[in-house]
Amino acid sequence: ENYSFQPKEVRALRKDCIGGAIPVYISATDTHNAVVTSHGDLYTWGSSEGFNDLLFIQSNQNYLPAPKRVQGLKKVKQVATARNHTLALITSAKPNFSFCGKAE
């Protein structure tokens, strides 16, 4: 069962599962979800069907049932998701945006 109309706890986002960090920014769509932690890490899960996304390539799966840390992105401040896109705001000397998604 991949979908539910009832709220469910995302156990993989508990503090003891993500290095003592807490979720501070959440974005969700009908296809995938993203969370930024207090340590600046980005976690994603859900479906990547329809787009070849950096956030899912690491797993070699089209569907991630639980949050997985996105390697290579650090100091993430915010995230926005859309059906076929993910946009992360990265903090550094200058704010940068990291974009993943399907060309339309």
PDB file of N, CA and C in Angstrom:
ATOM      1  N   GLU A   1       0.849  -1.187   0.000  1.00  0.00           N
ATOM      2  CA  GLU A   1       0.000   0.000   0.000  1.00  0.00           C
ATOM      3  C   GLU A   1       0.886   1.239   0.000  1.00  0.00           C
ATOM      4  N   ASN A   2       0.824   2.015  -1.078  1.00  0.00           N
ATOM      5  CA  ASN A   2       1.639   3.218  -1.196  1.00  0.00           C
ATOM      6  C   ASN A   2       0.886   4.482  -0.791  1.00  0.00           C
ATOM      7  N   TYR A   3      -0.431   4.457  -0.882  1.00  0.00           N
ATOM      8  CA  TYR A   3      -1.212   5.655  -0.627  1.00  0.00           C
ATOM      9  C   TYR A   3      -2.183   5.434   0.524  1.00  0.00           C
ATOM     10  N   SER A   4      -2.458   6.512   1.235  1.00  0.00           N
ATOM     11  CA  SER A   4      -3.396   6.424   2.341  1.00  0.00           C
ATOM     12  C   SER A   4      -4.086   7.765   2.516  1.00  0.00           C
ATOM     13  N   PHE A   5      -5.343   7.717   2.873  1.00  0.00           N
ATOM     14  CA  PHE A   5      -6.074   8.938   3.170  1.00  0.00           C
ATOM     15  C   PHE A   5      -6.029   9.261   4.663  1.00  0.00           C
ATOM     16  N   GLN A   6      -5.374   8.399   5.424  1.00  0.00           N
ATOM     17  CA  GLN A   6      -5.232   8.605   6.859  1.00  0.00           C
ATOM     18  C   GLN A   6      -3.814   9.074   7.170  1.00  0.00           C
ATOM     19  N   PRO A   7      -3.644  10.032   8.074  1.00  0.00           N
ATOM     20  CA  PRO A   7      -2.300  10.475   8.450  1.00  0.00           C
ATOM     21  C   PRO A   7      -1.480   9.311   9.016  1.00  0.00           C
ATOM     22  N   LYS A   8      -0.192   9.293   8.683  1.00  0.00           N
ATOM     23  CA  LYS A   8       0.703   8.261   9.184  1.00  0.00           C
ATOM     24  C   LYS A   8       1.988   8.899   9.677  1.00  0.00           C
ATOM     25  N   GLU A   9       2.528   8.355  10.732  1.00  0.00           N
ATOM     26  CA  GLU A   9       3.814   8.819  11.241  1.00  0.00           C
ATOM     27  C   GLU A   9       4.915   8.395  10.272  1.00  0.00           C
ATOM     28  N   VAL A  10       5.826   9.322   9.976  1.00  0.00           N
ATOM     29  CA  VAL A  10       6.982   9.006   9.144  1.00  0.00           C
ATOM     30  C   VAL A  10       8.128   8.711  10.113  1.00  0.00           C
ATOM     31  N   ARG A  11       8.242   7.470  10.496  1.00  0.00           N
ATOM     32  CA  ARG A  11       9.193   7.082  11.533  1.00  0.00           C
ATOM     33  C   ARG A  11      10.638   7.364  11.157  1.00  0.00           C
ATOM     34  N   ALA A  12      10.934   7.334   9.874  1.00  0.00           N
ATOM     35  CA  ALA A  12      12.313   7.588   9.430  1.00  0.00           C
ATOM     36  C   ALA A  12      12.746   9.030   9.668  1.00  0.00           C
ATOM     37  N   LEU A  13      11.814   9.916  10.047  1.00  0.00           N
ATOM     38  CA  LEU A  13      12.163  11.309  10.321  1.00  0.00           C
ATOM     39  C   LEU A  13      12.236  11.616  11.819  1.00  0.00           C
ATOM     40  N   ARG A  14      12.193  10.596  12.656  1.00  0.00           N
ATOM     41  CA  ARG A  14      12.361  10.828  14.093  1.00  0.00           C
ATOM     42  C   ARG A  14      13.802  11.258  14.356  1.00  0.00           C
ATOM     43  N   LYS A  15      13.997  12.047  15.412  1.00  0.00           N
ATOM     44  CA  LYS A  15      15.333  12.559  15.733  1.00  0.00           C
ATOM     45  C   LYS A  15      16.379  11.461  15.825  1.00  0.00           C
ATOM     46  N   ASP A  16      16.021  10.330  16.386  1.00  0.00           N
ATOM     47  CA  ASP A  16      16.995   9.258  16.550  1.00  0.00           C
ATOM     48  C   ASP A  16      17.343   8.583  15.226  1.00  0.00           C
ATOM     49  N   CYS A  17      16.564   8.847  14.182  1.00  0.00           N
ATOM     50  CA  CYS A  17      16.825   8.232  12.870  1.00  0.00           C
ATOM     51  C   CYS A  17      17.584   9.161  11.924  1.00  0.00           C
ATOM     52  N   ILE A  18      17.623  10.457  12.218  1.00  0.00           N
ATOM     53  CA  ILE A  18      18.291  11.406  11.327  1.00  0.00           C
ATOM     54  C   ILE A  18      19.374  12.199  12.067  1.00  0.00           C
ATOM     55  N   GLY A  19      20.148  11.510  12.851  1.00  0.00           N
ATOM     56  CA  GLY A  19      21.316  12.107  13.494  1.00  0.00           C
ATOM     57  C   GLY A  19      21.018  13.192  14.512  1.00  0.00           C
ATOM     58  N   GLY A  20      19.898  13.098  15.184  1.00  0.00           N
ATOM     59  CA  GLY A  20      19.560  14.076  16.211  1.00  0.00           C
ATOM     60  C   GLY A  20      18.953  15.362  15.675  1.00  0.00           C
ATOM     61  N   ALA A  21      18.809  15.477  14.371  1.00  0.00           N
ATOM     62  CA  ALA A  21      18.214  16.667  13.767  1.00  0.00           C
ATOM     63  C   ALA A  21      16.693  16.586  13.854  1.00  0.00           C
ATOM     64  N   ILE A  22      16.060  17.704  13.623  1.00  0.00           N
ATOM     65  CA  ILE A  22      14.595  17.718  13.570  1.00  0.00           C
ATOM     66  C   ILE A  22      14.151  18.317  12.233  1.00  0.00           C
ATOM     67  N   PRO A  23      13.030  17.886  11.701  1.00  0.00           N
ATOM     68  CA  PRO A  23      12.511  18.488  10.462  1.00  0.00           C
ATOM     69  C   PRO A  23      12.128  19.940  10.716  1.00  0.00           C
ATOM     70  N   VAL A  24      12.582  20.840   9.848  1.00  0.00           N
ATOM     71  CA  VAL A  24      12.264  22.258  10.010  1.00  0.00           C
ATOM     72  C   VAL A  24      11.519  22.839   8.810  1.00  0.00           C
ATOM     73  N   TYR A  25      11.557  22.151   7.674  1.00  0.00           N
ATOM     74  CA  TYR A  25      10.858  22.636   6.490  1.00  0.00           C
ATOM     75  C   TYR A  25      10.372  21.431   5.699  1.00  0.00           C
ATOM     76  N   ILE A  26       9.105  21.431   5.338  1.00  0.00           N
ATOM     77  CA  ILE A  26       8.497  20.295   4.653  1.00  0.00           C
ATOM     78  C   ILE A  26       7.768  20.783   3.404  1.00  0.00           C
ATOM     79  N   SER A  27       7.908  20.016   2.316  1.00  0.00           N
ATOM     80  CA  SER A  27       7.146  20.294   1.107  1.00  0.00           C
ATOM     81  C   SER A  27       6.643  18.961   0.561  1.00  0.00           C
ATOM     82  N   ALA A  28       5.396  18.944   0.093  1.00  0.00           N
ATOM     83  CA  ALA A  28       4.807  17.687  -0.372  1.00  0.00           C
ATOM     84  C   ALA A  28       3.953  17.916  -1.609  1.00  0.00           C
ATOM     85  N   THR A  29       3.924  16.903  -2.460  1.00  0.00           N
ATOM     86  CA  THR A  29       3.045  16.893  -3.627  1.00  0.00           C
ATOM     87  C   THR A  29       2.319  15.554  -3.652  1.00  0.00           C
ATOM     88  N   ASP A  30       1.561  15.328  -4.694  1.00  0.00           N
ATOM     89  CA  ASP A  30       0.895  14.031  -4.821  1.00  0.00           C
ATOM     90  C   ASP A  30       1.847  12.949  -5.301  1.00  0.00           C
ATOM     91  N   THR A  31       3.088  13.314  -5.687  1.00  0.00           N
ATOM     92  CA  THR A  31       4.041  12.321  -6.173  1.00  0.00           C
ATOM     93  C   THR A  31       5.238  12.104  -5.263  1.00  0.00           C
ATOM     94  N   HIS A  32       5.750  13.168  -4.660  1.00  0.00           N
ATOM     95  CA  HIS A  32       6.918  13.010  -3.789  1.00  0.00           C
ATOM     96  C   HIS A  32       6.937  14.089  -2.709  1.00  0.00           C
ATOM     97  N   ASN A  33       7.795  13.853  -1.707  1.00  0.00           N
ATOM     98  CA  ASN A  33       7.878  14.725  -0.547  1.00  0.00           C
ATOM     99  C   ASN A  33       9.324  15.062  -0.263  1.00  0.00           C
ATOM    100  N   ALA A  34       9.552  16.169   0.436  1.00  0.00           N
ATOM    101  CA  ALA A  34      10.904  16.573   0.807  1.00  0.00           C
ATOM    102  C   ALA A  34      10.880  17.239   2.173  1.00  0.00           C
ATOM    103  N   VAL A  35      11.954  17.004   2.927  1.00  0.00           N
ATOM    104  CA  VAL A  35      12.093  17.587   4.263  1.00  0.00           C
ATOM    105  C   VAL A  35      13.515  18.113   4.427  1.00  0.00           C
ATOM    106  N   VAL A  36      13.624  19.307   4.987  1.00  0.00           N
ATOM    107  CA  VAL A  36      14.920  19.872   5.366  1.00  0.00           C
ATOM    108  C   VAL A  36      15.042  19.745   6.873  1.00  0.00           C
ATOM    109  N   THR A  37      16.202  19.298   7.351  1.00  0.00           N
ATOM    110  CA  THR A  37      16.406  19.143   8.792  1.00  0.00           C
ATOM    111  C   THR A  37      17.155  20.337   9.378  1.00  0.00           C
ATOM    112  N   SER A  38      17.179  20.391  10.694  1.00  0.00           N
ATOM    113  CA  SER A  38      17.890  21.457  11.395  1.00  0.00           C
ATOM    114  C   SER A  38      19.397  21.411  11.153  1.00  0.00           C
ATOM    115  N   HIS A  39      19.914  20.309  10.624  1.00  0.00           N
ATOM    116  CA  HIS A  39      21.335  20.200  10.263  1.00  0.00           C
ATOM    117  C   HIS A  39      21.587  20.614   8.810  1.00  0.00           C
ATOM    118  N   GLY A  40      20.529  20.988   8.080  1.00  0.00           N
ATOM    119  CA  GLY A  40      20.679  21.403   6.694  1.00  0.00           C
ATOM    120  C   GLY A  40      20.710  20.266   5.697  1.00  0.00           C
ATOM    121  N   ASP A  41      20.277  19.088   6.111  1.00  0.00           N
ATOM    122  CA  ASP A  41      20.208  17.941   5.204  1.00  0.00           C
ATOM    123  C   ASP A  41      18.841  17.896   4.535  1.00  0.00           C
ATOM    124  N   LEU A  42      18.804  17.331   3.321  1.00  0.00           N
ATOM    125  CA  LEU A  42      17.562  17.188   2.580  1.00  0.00           C
ATOM    126  C   LEU A  42      17.229  15.711   2.449  1.00  0.00           C
ATOM    127  N   TYR A  43      15.996  15.348   2.789  1.00  0.00           N
ATOM    128  CA  TYR A  43      15.491  13.983   2.657  1.00  0.00           C
ATOM    129  C   TYR A  43      14.317  14.011   1.690  1.00  0.00           C
ATOM    130  N   THR A  44      14.240  13.017   0.809  1.00  0.00           N
ATOM    131  CA  THR A  44      13.114  12.914  -0.117  1.00  0.00           C
ATOM    132  C   THR A  44      12.571  11.500  -0.113  1.00  0.00           C
ATOM    133  N   TRP A  45      11.317  11.359  -0.507  1.00  0.00           N
ATOM    134  CA  TRP A  45      10.706  10.049  -0.689  1.00  0.00           C
ATOM    135  C   TRP A  45       9.458  10.199  -1.541  1.00  0.00           C
ATOM    136  N   GLY A  46       8.999   9.084  -2.073  1.00  0.00           N
ATOM    137  CA  GLY A  46       7.831   9.081  -2.941  1.00  0.00           C
ATOM    138  C   GLY A  46       8.192   8.543  -4.305  1.00  0.00           C
ATOM    139  N   SER A  47       7.556   9.073  -5.340  1.00  0.00           N
ATOM    140  CA  SER A  47       7.722   8.564  -6.696  1.00  0.00           C
ATOM    141  C   SER A  47       8.536   9.525  -7.548  1.00  0.00           C
ATOM    142  N   SER A  48       9.405   8.970  -8.387  1.00  0.00           N
ATOM    143  CA  SER A  48      10.134   9.784  -9.361  1.00  0.00           C
ATOM    144  C   SER A  48       9.655   9.465 -10.769  1.00  0.00           C
ATOM    145  N   GLU A  49       8.548   8.747 -10.874  1.00  0.00           N
ATOM    146  CA  GLU A  49       8.036   8.357 -12.181  1.00  0.00           C
ATOM    147  C   GLU A  49       7.746   9.592 -13.027  1.00  0.00           C
ATOM    148  N   GLY A  50       8.233   9.579 -14.235  1.00  0.00           N
ATOM    149  CA  GLY A  50       7.979  10.703 -15.133  1.00  0.00           C
ATOM    150  C   GLY A  50       9.121  11.694 -15.192  1.00  0.00           C
ATOM    151  N   PHE A  51      10.076  11.589 -14.297  1.00  0.00           N
ATOM    152  CA  PHE A  51      11.249  12.454 -14.388  1.00  0.00           C
ATOM    153  C   PHE A  51      12.465  11.767 -13.798  1.00  0.00           C
ATOM    154  N   ASN A  52      13.615  12.043 -14.405  1.00  0.00           N
ATOM    155  CA  ASN A  52      14.875  11.452 -13.970  1.00  0.00           C
ATOM    156  C   ASN A  52      15.540  12.450 -13.034  1.00  0.00           C
ATOM    157  N   ASP A  53      15.387  12.259 -11.765  1.00  0.00           N
ATOM    158  CA  ASP A  53      15.724  13.269 -10.778  1.00  0.00           C
ATOM    159  C   ASP A  53      16.941  12.860  -9.948  1.00  0.00           C
ATOM    160  N   LEU A  54      17.838  13.785  -9.762  1.00  0.00           N
ATOM    161  CA  LEU A  54      19.019  13.580  -8.914  1.00  0.00           C
ATOM    162  C   LEU A  54      18.629  13.012  -7.556  1.00  0.00           C
ATOM    163  N   LEU A  55      17.488  13.408  -7.055  1.00  0.00           N
ATOM    164  CA  LEU A  55      17.079  12.991  -5.727  1.00  0.00           C
ATOM    165  C   LEU A  55      16.775  11.504  -5.646  1.00  0.00           C
ATOM    166  N   PHE A  56      16.528  10.868  -6.786  1.00  0.00           N
ATOM    167  CA  PHE A  56      16.167   9.463  -6.785  1.00  0.00           C
ATOM    168  C   PHE A  56      17.177   8.578  -7.502  1.00  0.00           C
ATOM    169  N   ILE A  57      18.057   9.149  -8.297  1.00  0.00           N
ATOM    170  CA  ILE A  57      19.023   8.359  -9.062  1.00  0.00           C
ATOM    171  C   ILE A  57      19.862   7.485  -8.142  1.00  0.00           C
ATOM    172  N   GLN A  58      20.234   8.009  -6.983  1.00  0.00           N
ATOM    173  CA  GLN A  58      21.093   7.278  -6.045  1.00  0.00           C
ATOM    174  C   GLN A  58      20.484   5.949  -5.626  1.00  0.00           C
ATOM    175  N   SER A  59      19.181   5.857  -5.616  1.00  0.00           N
ATOM    176  CA  SER A  59      18.528   4.659  -5.104  1.00  0.00           C
ATOM    177  C   SER A  59      18.256   3.616  -6.189  1.00  0.00           C
ATOM    178  N   ASN A  60      18.360   4.018  -7.466  1.00  0.00           N
ATOM    179  CA  ASN A  60      18.021   3.137  -8.582  1.00  0.00           C
ATOM    180  C   ASN A  60      16.597   2.599  -8.459  1.00  0.00           C
ATOM    181  N   GLN A  61      15.714   3.392  -7.898  1.00  0.00           N
ATOM    182  CA  GLN A  61      14.314   3.016  -7.740  1.00  0.00           C
ATOM    183  C   GLN A  61      13.439   4.142  -8.253  1.00  0.00           C
ATOM    184  N   ASN A  62      12.245   3.802  -8.699  1.00  0.00           N
ATOM    185  CA  ASN A  62      11.274   4.820  -9.084  1.00  0.00           C
ATOM    186  C   ASN A  62      10.403   5.232  -7.910  1.00  0.00           C
ATOM    187  N   TYR A  63      10.452   4.450  -6.836  1.00  0.00           N
ATOM    188  CA  TYR A  63       9.634   4.765  -5.664  1.00  0.00           C
ATOM    189  C   TYR A  63      10.444   4.507  -4.398  1.00  0.00           C
ATOM    190  N   LEU A  64      10.541   5.523  -3.564  1.00  0.00           N
ATOM    191  CA  LEU A  64      11.186   5.380  -2.260  1.00  0.00           C
ATOM    192  C   LEU A  64      10.095   5.417  -1.201  1.00  0.00           C
ATOM    193  N   PRO A  65       9.872   4.332  -0.478  1.00  0.00           N
ATOM    194  CA  PRO A  65       8.791   4.291   0.500  1.00  0.00           C
ATOM    195  C   PRO A  65       9.098   5.075   1.773  1.00  0.00           C
ATOM    196  N   ALA A  66      10.372   5.351   2.022  1.00  0.00           N
ATOM    197  CA  ALA A  66      10.766   6.066   3.243  1.00  0.00           C
ATOM    198  C   ALA A  66      11.782   7.146   2.890  1.00  0.00           C
ATOM    199  N   PRO A  67      11.887   8.185   3.709  1.00  0.00           N
ATOM    200  CA  PRO A  67      12.836   9.264   3.433  1.00  0.00           C
ATOM    201  C   PRO A  67      14.273   8.760   3.316  1.00  0.00           C
ATOM    202  N   LYS A  68      14.984   9.323   2.338  1.00  0.00           N
ATOM    203  CA  LYS A  68      16.393   9.009   2.116  1.00  0.00           C
ATOM    204  C   LYS A  68      17.140  10.324   1.968  1.00  0.00           C
ATOM    205  N   ARG A  69      18.285  10.423   2.648  1.00  0.00           N
ATOM    206  CA  ARG A  69      19.091  11.650   2.587  1.00  0.00           C
ATOM    207  C   ARG A  69      19.666  11.823   1.188  1.00  0.00           C
ATOM    208  N   VAL A  70      19.575  13.043   0.665  1.00  0.00           N
ATOM    209  CA  VAL A  70      20.134  13.357  -0.645  1.00  0.00           C
ATOM    210  C   VAL A  70      21.606  13.685  -0.455  1.00  0.00           C
ATOM    211  N   GLN A  71      22.463  12.847  -1.004  1.00  0.00           N
ATOM    212  CA  GLN A  71      23.902  13.036  -0.888  1.00  0.00           C
ATOM    213  C   GLN A  71      24.330  14.209  -1.766  1.00  0.00           C
ATOM    214  N   GLY A  72      25.313  14.957  -1.313  1.00  0.00           N
ATOM    215  CA  GLY A  72      25.870  16.030  -2.125  1.00  0.00           C
ATOM    216  C   GLY A  72      25.239  17.390  -1.900  1.00  0.00           C
ATOM    217  N   LEU A  73      24.098  17.449  -1.236  1.00  0.00           N
ATOM    218  CA  LEU A  73      23.491  18.742  -0.912  1.00  0.00           C
ATOM    219  C   LEU A  73      23.672  19.004   0.571  1.00  0.00           C
ATOM    220  N   LYS A  74      24.313  20.116   0.889  1.00  0.00           N
ATOM    221  CA  LYS A  74      24.523  20.490   2.290  1.00  0.00           C
ATOM    222  C   LYS A  74      24.066  21.921   2.490  1.00  0.00           C
ATOM    223  N   LYS A  75      23.786  22.251   3.726  1.00  0.00           N
ATOM    224  CA  LYS A  75      23.350  23.595   4.091  1.00  0.00           C
ATOM    225  C   LYS A  75      22.065  23.991   3.361  1.00  0.00           C
ATOM    226  N   VAL A  76      21.152  23.042   3.253  1.00  0.00           N
ATOM    227  CA  VAL A  76      19.858  23.323   2.619  1.00  0.00           C
ATOM    228  C   VAL A  76      19.020  24.132   3.607  1.00  0.00           C
ATOM    229  N   LYS A  77      18.435  25.200   3.135  1.00  0.00           N
ATOM    230  CA  LYS A  77      17.641  26.088   3.983  1.00  0.00           C
ATOM    231  C   LYS A  77      16.141  25.841   3.798  1.00  0.00           C
ATOM    232  N   GLN A  78      15.704  25.708   2.534  1.00  0.00           N
ATOM    233  CA  GLN A  78      14.294  25.488   2.227  1.00  0.00           C
ATOM    234  C   GLN A  78      14.177  24.581   1.010  1.00  0.00           C
ATOM    235  N   VAL A  79      13.002  24.026   0.831  1.00  0.00           N
ATOM    236  CA  VAL A  79      12.740  23.176  -0.325  1.00  0.00           C
ATOM    237  C   VAL A  79      11.309  23.401  -0.807  1.00  0.00           C
ATOM    238  N   ALA A  80      11.124  23.296  -2.111  1.00  0.00           N
ATOM    239  CA  ALA A  80       9.792  23.374  -2.705  1.00  0.00           C
ATOM    240  C   ALA A  80       9.659  22.214  -3.679  1.00  0.00           C
ATOM    241  N   THR A  81       8.506  21.574  -3.658  1.00  0.00           N
ATOM    242  CA  THR A  81       8.260  20.463  -4.569  1.00  0.00           C
ATOM    243  C   THR A  81       7.052  20.768  -5.440  1.00  0.00           C
ATOM    244  N   ALA A  82       7.100  20.248  -6.646  1.00  0.00           N
ATOM    245  CA  ALA A  82       5.957  20.279  -7.565  1.00  0.00           C
ATOM    246  C   ALA A  82       5.889  18.903  -8.202  1.00  0.00           C
ATOM    247  N   ARG A  83       4.886  18.657  -8.972  1.00  0.00           N
ATOM    248  CA  ARG A  83       4.682  17.307  -9.513  1.00  0.00           C
ATOM    249  C   ARG A  83       5.944  16.724 -10.140  1.00  0.00           C
ATOM    250  N   ASN A  84       6.662  17.479 -10.941  1.00  0.00           N
ATOM    251  CA  ASN A  84       7.847  16.972 -11.624  1.00  0.00           C
ATOM    252  C   ASN A  84       9.120  17.743 -11.292  1.00  0.00           C
ATOM    253  N   HIS A  85       9.102  18.528 -10.234  1.00  0.00           N
ATOM    254  CA  HIS A  85      10.262  19.361  -9.925  1.00  0.00           C
ATOM    255  C   HIS A  85      10.520  19.422  -8.423  1.00  0.00           C
ATOM    256  N   THR A  86      11.773  19.668  -8.089  1.00  0.00           N
ATOM    257  CA  THR A  86      12.166  19.948  -6.711  1.00  0.00           C
ATOM    258  C   THR A  86      13.165  21.097  -6.755  1.00  0.00           C
ATOM    259  N   LEU A  87      12.985  22.071  -5.886  1.00  0.00           N
ATOM    260  CA  LEU A  87      13.864  23.228  -5.824  1.00  0.00           C
ATOM    261  C   LEU A  87      14.347  23.369  -4.391  1.00  0.00           C
ATOM    262  N   ALA A  88      15.667  23.413  -4.209  1.00  0.00           N
ATOM    263  CA  ALA A  88      16.229  23.550  -2.863  1.00  0.00           C
ATOM    264  C   ALA A  88      17.030  24.836  -2.784  1.00  0.00           C
ATOM    265  N   LEU A  89      16.844  25.582  -1.707  1.00  0.00           N
ATOM    266  CA  LEU A  89      17.626  26.785  -1.444  1.00  0.00           C
ATOM    267  C   LEU A  89      18.811  26.366  -0.592  1.00  0.00           C
ATOM    268  N   ILE A  90      20.015  26.579  -1.118  1.00  0.00           N
ATOM    269  CA  ILE A  90      21.251  26.203  -0.432  1.00  0.00           C
ATOM    270  C   ILE A  90      21.887  27.466   0.115  1.00  0.00           C
ATOM    271  N   THR A  91      22.270  27.458   1.391  1.00  0.00           N
ATOM    272  CA  THR A  91      22.921  28.627   1.970  1.00  0.00           C
ATOM    273  C   THR A  91      24.429  28.450   1.920  1.00  0.00           C
ATOM    274  N   SER A  92      25.102  29.496   1.498  1.00  0.00           N
ATOM    275  CA  SER A  92      26.561  29.533   1.449  1.00  0.00           C
ATOM    276  C   SER A  92      26.932  31.008   1.516  1.00  0.00           C
ATOM    277  N   ALA A  93      28.093  31.377   1.013  1.00  0.00           N
ATOM    278  CA  ALA A  93      28.469  32.791   0.996  1.00  0.00           C
ATOM    279  C   ALA A  93      27.402  33.598   0.255  1.00  0.00           C
ATOM    280  N   LYS A  94      26.888  33.025  -0.812  1.00  0.00           N
ATOM    281  CA  LYS A  94      25.769  33.606  -1.551  1.00  0.00           C
ATOM    282  C   LYS A  94      24.679  32.543  -1.616  1.00  0.00           C
ATOM    283  N   PRO A  95      23.427  32.904  -1.468  1.00  0.00           N
ATOM    284  CA  PRO A  95      22.374  31.888  -1.612  1.00  0.00           C
ATOM    285  C   PRO A  95      22.390  31.292  -3.013  1.00  0.00           C
ATOM    286  N   ASN A  96      22.231  30.005  -3.090  1.00  0.00           N
ATOM    287  CA  ASN A  96      22.197  29.291  -4.365  1.00  0.00           C
ATOM    288  C   ASN A  96      20.948  28.443  -4.413  1.00  0.00           C
ATOM    289  N   PHE A  97      20.476  28.184  -5.617  1.00  0.00           N
ATOM    290  CA  PHE A  97      19.342  27.294  -5.809  1.00  0.00           C
ATOM    291  C   PHE A  97      19.816  26.050  -6.529  1.00  0.00           C
ATOM    292  N   SER A  98      19.359  24.916  -6.095  1.00  0.00           N
ATOM    293  CA  SER A  98      19.645  23.653  -6.763  1.00  0.00           C
ATOM    294  C   SER A  98      18.342  23.141  -7.320  1.00  0.00           C
ATOM    295  N   PHE A  99      18.334  22.805  -8.605  1.00  0.00           N
ATOM    296  CA  PHE A  99      17.098  22.417  -9.272  1.00  0.00           C
ATOM    297  C   PHE A  99      17.201  20.991  -9.799  1.00  0.00           C
ATOM    298  N   CYS A 100      16.190  20.224  -9.621  1.00  0.00           N
ATOM    299  CA  CYS A 100      16.099  18.879 -10.191  1.00  0.00           C
ATOM    300  C   CYS A 100      14.725  18.704 -10.784  1.00  0.00           C
ATOM    301  N   GLY A 101      14.653  18.119 -11.946  1.00  0.00           N
ATOM    302  CA  GLY A 101      13.335  17.871 -12.508  1.00  0.00           C
ATOM    303  C   GLY A 101      13.366  17.562 -13.979  1.00  0.00           C
ATOM    304  N   LYS A 102      12.199  17.466 -14.546  1.00  0.00           N
ATOM    305  CA  LYS A 102      12.010  17.099 -15.942  1.00  0.00           C
ATOM    306  C   LYS A 102      11.842  18.358 -16.791  1.00  0.00           C
ATOM    307  N   ALA A 103      12.507  18.375 -17.906  1.00  0.00           N
ATOM    308  CA  ALA A 103      12.316  19.499 -18.852  1.00  0.00           C
ATOM    309  C   ALA A 103      10.930  19.385 -19.455  1.00  0.00           C
ATOM    310  N   GLU A 104      10.250  20.493 -19.534  1.00  0.00           N
ATOM    311  CA  GLU A 104       8.894  20.472 -20.105  1.00  0.00           C
ATOM    312  C   GLU A 104       8.816  21.362 -21.308  1.00  0.00           C
TER     313      GLU A 104
END
